[in-house]
Each structure stands twice: as structure tokens, then as C-alpha cells.
C-alpha atoms as a PDB file:
ATOM      1  CA  MET A   1      -0.008   0.057  -0.293  1.00  0.00           C
ATOM      2  CA  GLU A   2       2.867   1.967   0.255  1.00  0.00           C
ATOM      3  CA  GLU A   3       4.270   1.927  -3.221  1.00  0.00           C
ATOM      4  CA  ALA A   4       0.899   2.453  -4.053  1.00  0.00           C
ATOM      5  CA  LEU A   5       1.129   5.923  -2.625  1.00  0.00           C
ATOM      6  CA  ASP A   6       4.174   6.409  -4.220  1.00  0.00           C
ATOM      7  CA  ARG A   7       3.194   5.326  -7.525  1.00  0.00           C
ATOM      8  CA  PHE A   8       0.128   7.808  -6.998  1.00  0.00           C
ATOM      9  CA  ILE A   9       3.044  11.022  -5.945  1.00  0.00           C
ATOM     10  CA  ALA A  10       5.054  10.429  -8.542  1.00  0.00           C
ATOM     11  CA  CYS A  11       2.060  10.161 -11.529  1.00  0.00           C
ATOM     12  CA  GLU A  12       2.211  13.306 -12.688  1.00  0.00           C
ATOM     13  CA  PRO A  13      -0.819  12.764 -15.239  1.00  0.00           C
ATOM     14  CA  VAL A  14      -3.084  12.094 -12.369  1.00  0.00           C
ATOM     15  CA  ARG A  15      -2.040  14.672 -10.715  1.00  0.00           C
ATOM     16  CA  ALA A  16      -2.659  16.945 -13.201  1.00  0.00           C
ATOM     17  CA  LEU A  17      -6.528  15.303 -13.627  1.00  0.00           C
ATOM     18  CA  LEU A  18      -7.515  16.010 -10.296  1.00  0.00           C
ATOM     19  CA  GLY A  19      -5.750  19.301  -9.707  1.00  0.00           C
ATOM     20  CA  GLU A  20      -4.000  20.247  -7.014  1.00  0.00           C
ATOM     21  CA  ASP A  21      -6.304  20.981  -4.007  1.00  0.00           C
ATOM     22  CA  PHE A  22      -8.089  16.758  -4.679  1.00  0.00           C
ATOM     23  CA  PHE A  23      -4.885  15.028  -5.021  1.00  0.00           C
ATOM     24  CA  GLN A  24      -3.166  16.756  -2.302  1.00  0.00           C
ATOM     25  CA  THR A  25      -6.640  16.180  -0.416  1.00  0.00           C
ATOM     26  CA  TYR A  26      -7.207  12.631  -1.222  1.00  0.00           C
ATOM     27  CA  LEU A  27      -3.125  11.683   0.191  1.00  0.00           C
ATOM     28  CA  ARG A  28      -3.992  12.981   2.959  1.00  0.00           C
ATOM     29  CA  VAL A  29      -7.114  10.567   3.133  1.00  0.00           C
ATOM     30  CA  LYS A  30      -5.413   7.863   2.258  1.00  0.00           C
ATOM     31  CA  SER A  31      -1.947   8.298   4.563  1.00  0.00           C
ATOM     32  CA  VAL A  32      -3.636   8.694   7.312  1.00  0.00           C
ATOM     33  CA  GLU A  33      -5.675   5.427   6.491  1.00  0.00           C
ATOM     34  CA  LEU A  34      -2.452   3.690   5.741  1.00  0.00           C
ATOM     35  CA  ASP A  35      -0.944   5.319   9.327  1.00  0.00           C
ATOM     36  CA  LEU A  36      -3.969   4.019  11.146  1.00  0.00           C
ATOM     37  CA  PHE A  37      -3.834   0.684   9.683  1.00  0.00           C
ATOM     38  CA  GLN A  38      -0.113   0.092   9.808  1.00  0.00           C
ATOM     39  CA  SER A  39      -1.278   0.474  13.528  1.00  0.00           C
ATOM     40  CA  VAL A  40      -3.284  -2.420  14.340  1.00  0.00           C
ATOM     41  CA  VAL A  41      -2.536  -5.630  15.121  1.00  0.00           C
ATOM     42  CA  THR A  42      -5.109  -8.203  13.500  1.00  0.00           C
ATOM     43  CA  SER A  43      -6.199 -11.097  14.819  1.00  0.00           C
ATOM     44  CA  TRP A  44      -3.820 -13.460  12.466  1.00  0.00           C
ATOM     45  CA  GLU A  45      -0.501 -11.709  13.602  1.00  0.00           C
ATOM     46  CA  ARG A  46      -2.183 -11.995  16.803  1.00  0.00           C
ATOM     47  CA  ASP A  47      -2.773 -15.819  16.282  1.00  0.00           C
ATOM     48  CA  HIS A  48       0.210 -16.501  14.430  1.00  0.00           C
ATOM     49  CA  LEU A  49       3.137 -13.965  15.348  1.00  0.00           C
ATOM     50  CA  LEU A  50       2.042 -13.274  18.965  1.00  0.00           C
ATOM     51  CA  LEU A  51       2.300 -16.676  20.530  1.00  0.00           C
ATOM     52  CA  LYS A  52       5.172 -18.203  18.903  1.00  0.00           C
ATOM     53  CA  VAL A  53       8.376 -15.412  20.288  1.00  0.00           C
END
């Protein structure tokens, strides 16, 4: 998902198509979503990784 954001940032045609204001707003929203996603320990991680430490 981080790579997808990096590609989004680097894609000038998308930036031009969406406009700078929407582009920046979308980028902020998706960055917050990614941060939240990365801060959560999933049930699979708990079951399969935490118990093996």
C-alpha cells in the first residue's frame, strides 16, 4: 500500500487530471488510512506471530 501511494505521488498525469487541491486532499486521507492500518495488530498477527515469540 505504501508503494501505491508512492506511485500515486509520482504520477504527474493523475495530478494534472485531478487538480492539485483534490490530489493533496486524497493523498492526506490515504496517508492517514495507511498509518491507521499499520498501527493495528490483526487477529491473524496475534494468533500466528505473537504466540511464536
